[in-house]
């Protein structure tokens, strides 16, 4: 072991240095490893391009034959020719998968998508596959699920129980198969294969299988496998819910290169005038040898998502961790656009493509940042019908944002408040702080009456400023004359 570590460190140094020098070569990869979508809904499959954003590049998307869901029956993919195209400057792209509701009771099904050939001088990174789990819209009498969370850890040489739960109102005996599938761990080598059928008699709530991780005395870094539920029976009243559990086997040999986590050093919600957001990448559970990891930004999906070049600056790079180095950082600049928009615009920052034996810590590879609007808030998608201080309290008081009183306030906002920075700042502040008050008013008739009583004079002042000024002047004059008469009479 002592002879092997210096040799390994030398190899790590050469490989990591070569990787760091390959900054000009883009890596195309998937953002997520597993996502879920319910029948009848859509989901976006996101890809990220790291290191080099210049030029146009493409990558093909393939459907694995091992999938249990069937293309054009259980789901459809909106992707011309099965090819994702990154134009010059693009840091992220996505395509849509639509899960079809076929009306059949079939439990959770899945499709595995993999990245194939990349063009334009790009490589496919390590994150080259994703499993999309399609949740059944039909309810079974009996559901069979894992009790464990979606991801668990076990050290080499140890074992653990993986528990399966029966729930629902169904009675009678049911059964389900449990199978292990290696991802980077080798089935039957790094762990003992699982191929079992769990029989639940009527009244049984929980059964389990035993997972044993082998200790092979080899330095190989952390490895992964999935444990699946399959073939719930009888299929007319039993169905699978949570389909898989991801298992990380921790390598216990000395000289570990470590695993990476991404952390935001501030709040996950930042004003658009914040300047930038700073991130830290930490190397945990080992720091031997030089290794690299990529980072990149991913646009938010839809009209309300933050877009590179409009709301933040597309950022990507490759971080080199020298031997013993455990922390690196980077920044993503935020763009202050001086335009009204949705209250929050989300985008993601991810780390991906760790080199050599290093890995990503499960659940710690991405952070969602929400950019808070400070120039006046729309109700989404750029629609200005419900902007700022007319949108919550006035709507709650009058019952509809189409009410004429609300329209008066909305017009005042557009013509006056939005023209000045102080007015825009007030609008943004009110939007952030008024929803709790509006919710309270909307649920209580007495509060709605009091709010209308308070707002109605404001509405008429805004709608008829000349009349209001004349009334106030006349009232002041009458009050002054009355005081003079009292003074003379006294």
Protein backbone atom coordinates (compact mmCIF):
# COMPACT_ATOMS: atom_id res chain seq x y z
CA UNK A 1 0.00 0.00 0.00
CA UNK A 2 2.82 2.44 0.87
CA UNK A 3 4.49 1.84 -2.52
CA UNK A 4 1.25 2.29 -4.41
CA UNK A 5 0.28 5.70 -3.00
CA UNK A 6 3.23 7.71 -4.39
CA UNK A 7 2.70 6.13 -7.81
CA UNK A 8 -1.01 6.89 -7.65
CA UNK A 9 -0.34 10.50 -6.65
CA UNK A 10 2.01 10.91 -9.59
CA UNK A 11 -0.62 9.53 -11.95
CA UNK A 12 -3.25 11.80 -10.43
CA UNK A 13 -0.96 14.79 -10.92
CA UNK A 14 -0.39 14.04 -14.59
CA UNK A 15 -4.07 13.38 -15.32
CA UNK A 16 -5.34 16.37 -13.37
CA UNK A 17 -2.82 18.69 -14.98
CA UNK A 18 -3.85 17.49 -18.39
CA UNK A 19 -7.49 18.06 -17.46
CA UNK A 20 -6.78 21.57 -16.20
CA UNK A 21 -4.99 22.41 -19.42
CA UNK A 22 -8.00 21.25 -21.44
CA UNK A 23 -9.94 24.37 -20.50
CA UNK A 24 -10.73 25.06 -24.15
CA UNK A 25 -12.57 21.78 -24.57
CA UNK A 26 -16.24 21.90 -23.64
CA UNK A 27 -17.94 19.12 -21.67
CA UNK A 28 -21.65 18.46 -22.33
CA UNK A 29 -23.56 16.70 -19.56
CA UNK A 30 -26.87 16.27 -17.79
CA UNK A 31 -27.66 18.27 -14.66
CA UNK A 32 -29.62 15.60 -12.75
CA UNK A 33 -29.19 11.87 -12.32
CA UNK A 34 -32.80 11.12 -11.32
CA UNK A 35 -35.98 13.19 -11.65
CA UNK A 36 -39.65 12.33 -11.16
CA UNK A 37 -42.75 13.36 -13.10
CA UNK A 38 -46.39 12.39 -12.63
CA UNK A 39 -48.50 11.06 -15.48
CA UNK A 40 -50.19 13.95 -17.25
CA UNK A 41 -47.39 16.39 -16.40
CA UNK A 42 -44.27 17.66 -18.18
CA UNK A 43 -40.71 17.91 -16.96
CA UNK A 44 -37.61 19.57 -18.36
CA UNK A 45 -34.41 17.60 -18.92
CA UNK A 46 -31.57 20.07 -18.37
CA UNK A 47 -28.08 19.95 -19.85
CA UNK A 48 -25.06 22.11 -19.08
CA UNK A 49 -21.97 22.98 -21.10
CA UNK A 50 -18.88 23.63 -19.01
CA UNK A 51 -15.46 25.18 -19.64
CA UNK A 52 -15.80 26.62 -23.16
CA UNK A 53 -18.96 28.30 -24.48
CA UNK A 54 -17.64 29.30 -27.89
CA UNK A 55 -19.04 27.88 -31.09
CA UNK A 56 -22.02 25.64 -31.79
CA UNK A 57 -21.98 22.08 -30.48
CA UNK A 58 -24.47 19.23 -30.38
CA UNK A 59 -25.02 16.00 -28.50
CA UNK A 60 -27.37 13.11 -29.25
CA UNK A 61 -29.84 11.72 -26.71
CA UNK A 62 -30.56 7.98 -26.66
CA UNK A 63 -33.27 5.93 -24.95
CA UNK A 64 -32.04 2.89 -23.04
CA UNK A 65 -33.61 -0.46 -23.98
CA UNK A 66 -33.71 -1.38 -20.28
CA UNK A 67 -36.42 1.23 -19.61
CA UNK A 68 -39.82 0.01 -18.38
CA UNK A 69 -41.71 2.98 -19.88
CA UNK A 70 -42.41 2.96 -23.62
CA UNK A 71 -41.73 5.92 -25.90
CA UNK A 72 -44.88 7.42 -27.49
CA UNK A 73 -47.09 5.36 -25.17
CA UNK A 74 -46.00 6.28 -21.64
CA UNK A 75 -44.13 9.44 -22.59
CA UNK A 76 -43.09 11.67 -25.47
CA UNK A 77 -39.96 13.77 -25.97
CA UNK A 78 -39.97 17.16 -27.69
CA UNK A 79 -36.53 16.98 -29.32
CA UNK A 80 -36.04 17.26 -33.07
CA UNK A 81 -33.90 14.40 -34.35
CA UNK A 82 -32.91 13.42 -30.82
CA UNK A 83 -30.22 16.14 -30.83
CA UNK A 84 -29.61 18.96 -28.33
CA UNK A 85 -27.89 22.00 -29.84
CA UNK A 86 -25.79 24.53 -27.93
CA UNK A 87 -25.41 27.75 -29.88
CA UNK A 88 -22.41 30.01 -29.45
CA UNK A 89 -22.40 31.35 -25.89
CA UNK A 90 -25.04 28.94 -24.53
CA UNK A 91 -24.20 27.49 -21.13
CA UNK A 92 -27.37 25.40 -20.72
CA UNK A 93 -30.14 23.85 -22.76
CA UNK A 94 -33.16 21.69 -22.04
CA UNK A 95 -35.81 19.59 -23.73
CA UNK A 96 -39.26 18.57 -22.51
CA UNK A 97 -40.49 15.10 -21.61
CA UNK A 98 -44.28 14.70 -21.34
CA UNK A 99 -45.63 11.81 -19.26
CA UNK A 100 -48.84 10.43 -20.76
CA UNK A 101 -51.75 9.43 -18.53
CA UNK A 102 -52.91 6.16 -20.09
CA UNK A 103 -55.49 5.41 -17.40
CA UNK A 104 -53.88 2.05 -16.55
CA UNK A 105 -52.73 0.95 -13.11
CA UNK A 106 -49.05 0.17 -13.65
CA UNK A 107 -47.16 1.80 -10.78
CA UNK A 108 -43.99 3.83 -11.23
CA UNK A 109 -42.25 3.26 -14.54
CA UNK A 110 -38.98 4.73 -15.74
CA UNK A 111 -36.99 5.65 -18.81
CA UNK A 112 -33.21 6.03 -18.87
CA UNK A 113 -31.81 8.62 -21.26
CA UNK A 114 -28.12 8.71 -22.14
CA UNK A 115 -25.95 11.18 -23.99
CA UNK A 116 -24.34 9.79 -27.13
CA UNK A 117 -22.04 11.48 -29.60
CA UNK A 118 -20.94 15.10 -29.13
CA UNK A 119 -19.89 17.31 -32.05
CA UNK A 120 -17.94 20.52 -32.53
CA UNK A 121 -14.94 19.41 -30.50
CA UNK A 122 -16.91 18.85 -27.28
CA UNK A 123 -16.73 15.81 -25.02
CA UNK A 124 -19.51 14.11 -23.10
CA UNK A 125 -18.85 14.53 -19.37
CA UNK A 126 -19.26 11.99 -16.59
CA UNK A 127 -22.90 12.95 -15.95
CA UNK A 128 -24.08 11.25 -19.13
CA UNK A 129 -27.34 9.55 -18.08
CA UNK A 130 -30.58 10.38 -16.32
CA UNK A 131 -33.43 8.21 -15.08
CA UNK A 132 -36.88 9.76 -15.37
CA UNK A 133 -39.34 8.07 -13.02
CA UNK A 134 -42.96 8.37 -14.16
CA UNK A 135 -45.34 8.27 -11.20
CA UNK A 136 -48.68 6.58 -11.84
CA UNK A 137 -51.75 8.84 -11.74
CA UNK A 138 -53.90 5.83 -10.80
CA UNK A 139 -54.16 4.83 -7.13
CA UNK A 140 -53.57 1.21 -6.20
CA UNK A 141 -55.22 -0.61 -3.31
CA UNK A 142 -51.73 -1.44 -2.03
CA UNK A 143 -48.57 0.64 -2.51
CA UNK A 144 -45.10 -0.83 -2.12
CA UNK A 145 -42.32 1.71 -1.40
CA UNK A 146 -38.88 1.93 0.09
CA UNK A 147 -38.87 3.20 3.66
CA UNK A 148 -35.33 4.53 3.17
CA UNK A 149 -34.61 7.97 1.69
CA UNK A 150 -33.69 8.31 -1.96
CA UNK A 151 -29.96 8.08 -1.17
CA UNK A 152 -28.08 6.19 1.58
CA UNK A 153 -24.40 5.57 2.43
CA UNK A 154 -22.57 2.44 3.52
CA UNK A 155 -18.86 1.82 4.09
CA UNK A 156 -16.88 -0.99 2.54
CA UNK A 157 -17.06 -4.13 4.65
CA UNK A 158 -20.35 -3.12 6.27
CA UNK A 159 -23.93 -4.19 5.67
CA UNK A 160 -27.34 -2.63 6.12
CA UNK A 161 -31.01 -3.46 5.80
CA UNK A 162 -32.99 -1.83 3.01
CA UNK A 163 -36.62 -1.69 4.09
CA UNK A 164 -39.74 -1.97 1.94
CA UNK A 165 -43.12 -0.78 3.20
CA UNK A 166 -46.65 -1.82 2.39
CA UNK A 167 -49.35 0.85 2.66
CA UNK A 168 -52.88 1.55 1.47
CA UNK A 169 -56.27 0.04 2.13
CA UNK A 170 -55.76 -3.20 0.24
CA UNK A 171 -55.86 -6.59 1.93
CA UNK A 172 -54.54 -10.01 1.05
CA UNK A 173 -51.07 -11.22 0.12
CA UNK A 174 -48.80 -9.16 -2.18
CA UNK A 175 -45.24 -9.52 -3.39
CA UNK A 176 -42.51 -7.48 -5.03
CA UNK A 177 -39.03 -8.19 -6.45
CA UNK A 178 -35.94 -6.34 -5.21
CA UNK A 179 -32.92 -6.09 -7.52
CA UNK A 180 -29.52 -4.38 -7.33
CA UNK A 181 -27.98 -2.68 -10.38
CA UNK A 182 -24.44 -1.35 -10.40
CA UNK A 183 -23.79 2.19 -11.59
CA UNK A 184 -20.06 2.59 -10.92
CA UNK A 185 -19.94 -0.26 -8.39
CA UNK A 186 -19.70 -3.75 -9.90
CA UNK A 187 -22.56 -6.10 -9.08
CA UNK A 188 -21.22 -9.16 -7.26
CA UNK A 189 -17.73 -7.66 -6.83
CA UNK A 190 -18.06 -4.42 -4.85
CA UNK A 191 -21.23 -5.68 -3.16
CA UNK A 192 -23.26 -8.86 -2.96
CA UNK A 193 -25.98 -8.96 -5.62
CA UNK A 194 -29.57 -8.63 -4.50
CA UNK A 195 -32.15 -10.75 -6.34
CA UNK A 196 -34.99 -11.36 -3.91
CA UNK A 197 -38.77 -11.56 -3.81
CA UNK A 198 -40.43 -10.09 -0.74
CA UNK A 199 -43.75 -11.74 0.22
CA UNK A 200 -46.14 -9.66 2.30
CA UNK A 201 -48.87 -11.67 3.97
CA UNK A 202 -52.11 -9.96 4.87
CA UNK A 203 -51.29 -7.62 7.75
CA UNK A 204 -47.53 -7.40 7.09
CA UNK A 205 -46.32 -3.81 6.92
CA UNK A 206 -42.53 -3.99 6.44
CA UNK A 207 -40.02 -6.42 4.95
CA UNK A 208 -36.34 -5.94 4.18
CA UNK A 209 -33.37 -7.18 2.20
CA UNK A 210 -29.73 -7.21 3.27
CA UNK A 211 -27.12 -5.22 1.38
CA UNK A 212 -23.49 -6.23 1.94
CA UNK A 213 -20.62 -4.06 0.72
CA UNK A 214 -17.41 -6.00 0.11
CA UNK A 215 -14.03 -4.77 1.30
CA UNK A 216 -11.69 -5.31 -1.63
CA UNK A 217 -8.58 -3.50 -0.28
CA UNK A 218 -8.36 -1.45 -3.48
CA UNK A 219 -8.15 2.33 -3.70
CA UNK A 220 -11.02 3.11 -6.07
CA UNK A 221 -12.95 6.02 -4.59
CA UNK A 222 -16.62 6.02 -3.72
CA UNK A 223 -18.88 3.89 -5.91
CA UNK A 224 -22.62 3.82 -6.57
CA UNK A 225 -25.39 1.33 -7.15
CA UNK A 226 -29.19 1.43 -7.32
CA UNK A 227 -31.65 -0.91 -5.64
CA UNK A 228 -34.90 -1.31 -7.60
CA UNK A 229 -38.42 -2.52 -6.85
CA UNK A 230 -39.93 -4.54 -9.70
CA UNK A 231 -42.98 -6.64 -10.59
CA UNK A 232 -45.51 -5.88 -7.87
CA UNK A 233 -48.17 -8.62 -7.74
CA UNK A 234 -51.06 -9.08 -8.08
CA UNK A 235 -50.82 -6.29 -10.63
CA UNK A 236 -54.52 -5.42 -10.49
CA UNK A 237 -54.29 -4.14 -6.90
CA UNK A 238 -50.60 -3.64 -6.00
CA UNK A 239 -48.25 -1.05 -7.46
CA UNK A 240 -44.77 0.37 -6.86
CA UNK A 241 -44.38 3.89 -5.51
CA UNK A 242 -40.76 4.88 -4.74
CA UNK A 243 -38.91 2.95 -7.39
CA UNK A 244 -35.27 3.11 -6.29
CA UNK A 245 -32.76 3.82 -3.55
CA UNK A 246 -29.32 5.11 -4.51
CA UNK A 247 -26.51 3.58 -2.46
CA UNK A 248 -23.06 5.16 -2.09
CA UNK A 249 -20.33 2.74 -1.01
CA UNK A 250 -17.62 4.68 0.81
CA UNK A 251 -14.10 3.51 0.02
CA UNK A 252 -12.20 3.05 3.29
CA UNK A 253 -8.66 2.85 1.89
CA UNK A 254 -6.17 5.63 2.73
CA UNK A 255 -5.32 8.20 0.07
CA UNK A 256 -8.89 9.17 -0.91
CA UNK A 257 -9.22 12.00 -3.48
CA UNK A 258 -12.47 13.14 -1.82
CA UNK A 259 -15.98 14.17 -2.84
CA UNK A 260 -17.22 17.64 -3.74
CA UNK A 261 -20.03 19.77 -2.34
CA UNK A 262 -21.27 23.14 -3.61
CA UNK A 263 -22.28 25.87 -1.15
CA UNK A 264 -23.60 29.38 -1.59
CA UNK A 265 -21.77 31.73 0.76
CA UNK A 266 -24.77 34.05 1.11
CA UNK A 267 -28.55 33.87 0.81
CA UNK A 268 -30.21 31.85 -1.94
CA UNK A 269 -32.43 34.86 -2.66
CA UNK A 270 -30.55 37.97 -3.82
CA UNK A 271 -31.64 41.34 -5.11
CA UNK A 272 -30.87 41.99 -8.75
CA UNK A 273 -28.60 44.85 -7.66
CA UNK A 274 -26.52 42.51 -5.48
CA UNK A 275 -23.63 42.58 -7.94
CA UNK A 276 -22.70 38.89 -7.72
CA UNK A 277 -23.22 35.65 -5.83
CA UNK A 278 -20.20 33.87 -4.39
CA UNK A 279 -19.94 30.10 -4.19
CA UNK A 280 -17.59 27.71 -2.45
CA UNK A 281 -16.69 24.19 -3.53
CA UNK A 282 -15.49 22.01 -0.67
CA UNK A 283 -13.53 18.79 -0.97
CA UNK A 284 -14.69 16.38 1.72
CA UNK A 285 -13.59 12.98 3.06
CA UNK A 286 -10.17 13.01 1.42
CA UNK A 287 -7.73 15.41 -0.24
CA UNK A 288 -5.04 13.21 -1.79
CA UNK A 289 -3.67 14.19 -5.16
CA UNK A 290 -4.70 16.92 -7.61
CA UNK A 291 -8.23 16.59 -9.01
CA UNK A 292 -10.62 18.85 -10.90
CA UNK A 293 -14.35 19.54 -10.96
CA UNK A 294 -16.37 21.70 -13.37
CA UNK A 295 -18.99 24.30 -12.51
CA UNK A 296 -21.63 25.99 -14.64
CA UNK A 297 -24.83 28.02 -14.55
CA UNK A 298 -28.18 26.66 -15.76
CA UNK A 299 -31.01 28.93 -16.97
CA UNK A 300 -34.33 28.84 -15.17
CA UNK A 301 -37.09 27.25 -17.25
CA UNK A 302 -40.06 29.24 -18.61
CA UNK A 303 -40.74 32.95 -18.92
CA UNK A 304 -40.08 33.57 -15.22
CA UNK A 305 -36.72 31.78 -15.18
CA UNK A 306 -33.52 33.80 -15.02
CA UNK A 307 -31.67 33.80 -18.34
CA UNK A 308 -27.95 34.18 -18.94
CA UNK A 309 -27.13 37.50 -20.56
CA UNK A 310 -30.35 39.12 -19.33
CA UNK A 311 -30.45 38.43 -15.59
CA UNK A 312 -27.04 36.96 -14.78
CA UNK A 313 -23.74 36.38 -16.55
CA UNK A 314 -23.20 32.86 -17.88
CA UNK A 315 -20.37 31.40 -15.79
CA UNK A 316 -18.41 28.19 -16.13
CA UNK A 317 -14.95 26.85 -15.44
CA UNK A 318 -12.82 24.03 -14.19
CA UNK A 319 -11.50 24.17 -10.63
CA UNK A 320 -8.16 22.50 -9.97
CA UNK A 321 -7.63 21.25 -6.42
CA UNK A 322 -3.98 20.66 -5.67
CA UNK A 323 -2.87 17.84 -3.38
CA UNK A 324 -4.18 18.71 0.09
CA UNK A 325 -6.33 21.61 -1.12
CA UNK A 326 -9.91 21.45 0.15
CA UNK A 327 -11.63 24.70 -0.88
CA UNK A 328 -12.03 26.74 -4.05
CA UNK A 329 -14.48 29.53 -4.84
CA UNK A 330 -15.99 31.40 -7.77
CA UNK A 331 -18.55 34.13 -8.44
CA UNK A 332 -21.58 34.52 -10.71
CA UNK A 333 -22.33 38.17 -11.62
CA UNK A 334 -25.98 39.32 -11.37
CA UNK A 335 -27.38 41.79 -13.93
CA UNK A 336 -29.54 44.70 -12.78
CA UNK A 337 -31.83 45.16 -15.79
CA UNK A 338 -33.87 48.23 -14.66
CA UNK A 339 -37.03 46.54 -15.94
CA UNK A 340 -40.09 45.25 -14.03
CA UNK A 341 -40.49 41.50 -13.86
CA UNK A 342 -41.62 38.55 -11.73
CA UNK A 343 -40.96 38.71 -8.02
CA UNK A 344 -38.33 35.95 -8.24
CA UNK A 345 -36.35 34.61 -11.19
CA UNK A 346 -34.63 31.28 -10.43
CA UNK A 347 -31.56 29.74 -12.00
CA UNK A 348 -29.20 26.99 -10.90
CA UNK A 349 -25.48 26.67 -10.33
CA UNK A 350 -24.07 23.15 -10.57
CA UNK A 351 -20.82 21.28 -10.12
CA UNK A 352 -20.21 18.28 -12.33
CA UNK A 353 -17.62 16.11 -14.04
CA UNK A 354 -15.24 15.30 -11.13
CA UNK A 355 -12.03 13.76 -12.42
CA UNK A 356 -10.28 10.51 -11.63
CA UNK A 357 -11.56 8.86 -8.44
CA UNK A 358 -13.21 11.93 -6.92
CA UNK A 359 -17.01 12.07 -6.78
CA UNK A 360 -19.88 14.44 -6.02
CA UNK A 361 -21.57 14.26 -2.64
CA UNK A 362 -25.17 13.14 -3.31
CA UNK A 363 -27.64 16.01 -3.07
CA UNK A 364 -24.90 18.66 -2.86
CA UNK A 365 -24.08 19.26 -6.51
CA UNK A 366 -26.40 22.19 -7.23
CA UNK A 367 -27.81 25.36 -5.67
CA UNK A 368 -30.90 27.26 -6.80
CA UNK A 369 -30.55 31.05 -6.74
CA UNK A 370 -33.61 33.32 -6.94
CA UNK A 371 -33.07 36.86 -8.16
CA UNK A 372 -35.47 39.29 -6.48
CA UNK A 373 -36.98 42.00 -8.67
CA UNK A 374 -36.31 45.57 -7.51
CA UNK A 375 -37.81 47.54 -10.41
CA UNK A 376 -41.48 46.71 -9.90
CA UNK A 377 -42.99 43.26 -9.79
CA UNK A 378 -45.28 41.67 -12.35
CA UNK A 379 -47.49 38.67 -11.66
CA UNK A 380 -45.31 36.50 -13.88
CA UNK A 381 -44.23 36.17 -17.46
CA UNK A 382 -43.75 39.92 -17.87
CA UNK A 383 -47.47 40.66 -17.41
CA UNK A 384 -47.91 44.05 -15.73
CA UNK A 385 -51.57 43.64 -14.82
CA UNK A 386 -50.77 42.97 -11.20
CA UNK A 387 -47.69 44.98 -10.42
CA UNK A 388 -46.53 46.11 -7.02
CA UNK A 389 -48.69 47.64 -4.36
CA UNK A 390 -52.05 47.30 -6.13
CA UNK A 391 -51.74 43.56 -6.51
CA UNK A 392 -52.12 42.11 -3.04
CA UNK A 393 -53.91 44.24 -0.44
CA UNK A 394 -56.20 46.07 -2.90
CA UNK A 395 -57.09 42.82 -4.69
CA UNK A 396 -57.82 41.15 -1.35
CA UNK A 397 -59.96 44.11 -0.26
CA UNK A 398 -62.01 44.46 -3.45
CA UNK A 399 -62.08 40.76 -4.38
CA UNK A 400 -60.54 40.98 -7.87
CA UNK A 401 -57.60 42.68 -9.57
CA UNK A 402 -60.11 43.63 -12.31
CA UNK A 403 -62.16 45.69 -9.87
CA UNK A 404 -62.31 49.38 -11.01
CA UNK A 405 -60.72 50.55 -7.76
CA UNK A 406 -57.73 48.25 -8.35
CA UNK A 407 -57.48 49.43 -11.95
CA UNK A 408 -57.17 53.03 -10.73
CA UNK A 409 -54.27 52.09 -8.47
CA UNK A 410 -52.66 50.06 -11.22
CA UNK A 411 -52.85 53.02 -13.60
CA UNK A 412 -51.30 55.29 -10.99
CA UNK A 413 -48.46 52.84 -10.60
CA UNK A 414 -47.78 52.73 -14.36
CA UNK A 415 -48.02 56.48 -14.91
CA UNK A 416 -46.23 57.73 -11.81
CA UNK A 417 -44.56 55.25 -9.44
CA UNK A 418 -42.68 53.35 -12.13
CA UNK A 419 -41.16 56.54 -13.55
CA UNK A 420 -39.02 57.17 -10.45
CA UNK A 421 -36.47 55.01 -8.66
CA UNK A 422 -38.05 55.75 -5.26
CA UNK A 423 -41.43 54.64 -6.57
CA UNK A 424 -39.97 51.43 -8.01
CA UNK A 425 -38.16 50.70 -4.74
CA UNK A 426 -41.38 51.24 -2.79
CA UNK A 427 -43.24 48.93 -5.17
CA UNK A 428 -40.67 46.16 -4.75
CA UNK A 429 -40.61 46.57 -0.94
CA UNK A 430 -44.39 46.45 -0.74
CA UNK A 431 -44.54 43.34 -2.91
CA UNK A 432 -42.13 41.50 -0.66
CA UNK A 433 -43.91 42.45 2.56
CA UNK A 434 -47.63 42.65 1.72
CA UNK A 435 -48.66 39.02 0.97
CA UNK A 436 -49.17 38.00 4.65
CA UNK A 437 -51.39 41.07 5.25
CA UNK A 438 -53.31 40.42 2.04
CA UNK A 439 -53.89 36.78 3.03
CA UNK A 440 -55.22 37.90 6.42
CA UNK A 441 -57.58 40.43 4.81
CA UNK A 442 -58.85 38.01 2.16
CA UNK A 443 -59.99 35.45 4.75
CA UNK A 444 -61.91 37.90 7.00
CA UNK A 445 -64.98 39.91 5.88
CA UNK A 446 -64.51 42.53 8.59
CA UNK A 447 -60.89 43.04 7.57
CA UNK A 448 -61.91 43.40 3.92
CA UNK A 449 -64.45 46.08 4.89
CA UNK A 450 -61.85 48.01 6.91
CA UNK A 451 -59.32 47.74 4.09
CA UNK A 452 -61.85 49.06 1.57
CA UNK A 453 -62.71 51.92 3.92
CA UNK A 454 -59.04 52.83 4.15
CA UNK A 455 -58.29 52.42 0.44
CA UNK A 456 -61.35 54.14 -1.04
CA UNK A 457 -60.21 57.69 -0.14
CA UNK A 458 -56.81 56.85 -1.66
CA UNK A 459 -58.49 55.59 -4.83
CA UNK A 460 -60.57 58.75 -5.22
CA UNK A 461 -57.55 60.94 -4.50
CA UNK A 462 -55.64 59.14 -7.26
CA UNK A 463 -58.57 59.10 -9.69
CA UNK A 464 -59.70 62.71 -9.14
CA UNK A 465 -56.70 64.68 -7.88
CA UNK A 466 -58.17 68.05 -8.94
CA UNK A 467 -61.46 67.47 -7.17
CA UNK A 468 -59.64 66.12 -4.14
CA UNK A 469 -57.40 69.17 -3.98
CA UNK A 470 -60.43 71.51 -4.28
CA UNK A 471 -62.28 69.66 -1.53
CA UNK A 472 -59.24 69.77 0.75
CA UNK A 473 -58.71 73.47 0.06
CA UNK A 474 -62.36 74.25 0.71
CA UNK A 475 -62.32 72.17 3.91
CA UNK A 476 -59.21 73.98 5.09
CA UNK A 477 -60.79 77.37 4.31
CA UNK A 478 -64.00 76.50 6.19
CA UNK A 479 -61.98 75.23 9.15
CA UNK A 480 -59.91 78.41 9.20
CA UNK A 481 -63.02 80.64 9.07
CA UNK A 482 -64.61 78.65 11.88
CA UNK A 483 -61.54 79.10 14.10
CA UNK A 484 -61.50 82.86 13.39
CA UNK A 485 -65.16 83.19 14.38
CA UNK A 486 -64.50 81.34 17.62
CA UNK A 487 -61.52 83.61 18.26
CA UNK A 488 -63.61 86.80 17.68
CA UNK A 489 -66.48 85.51 19.75
CA UNK A 490 -64.15 84.63 22.62
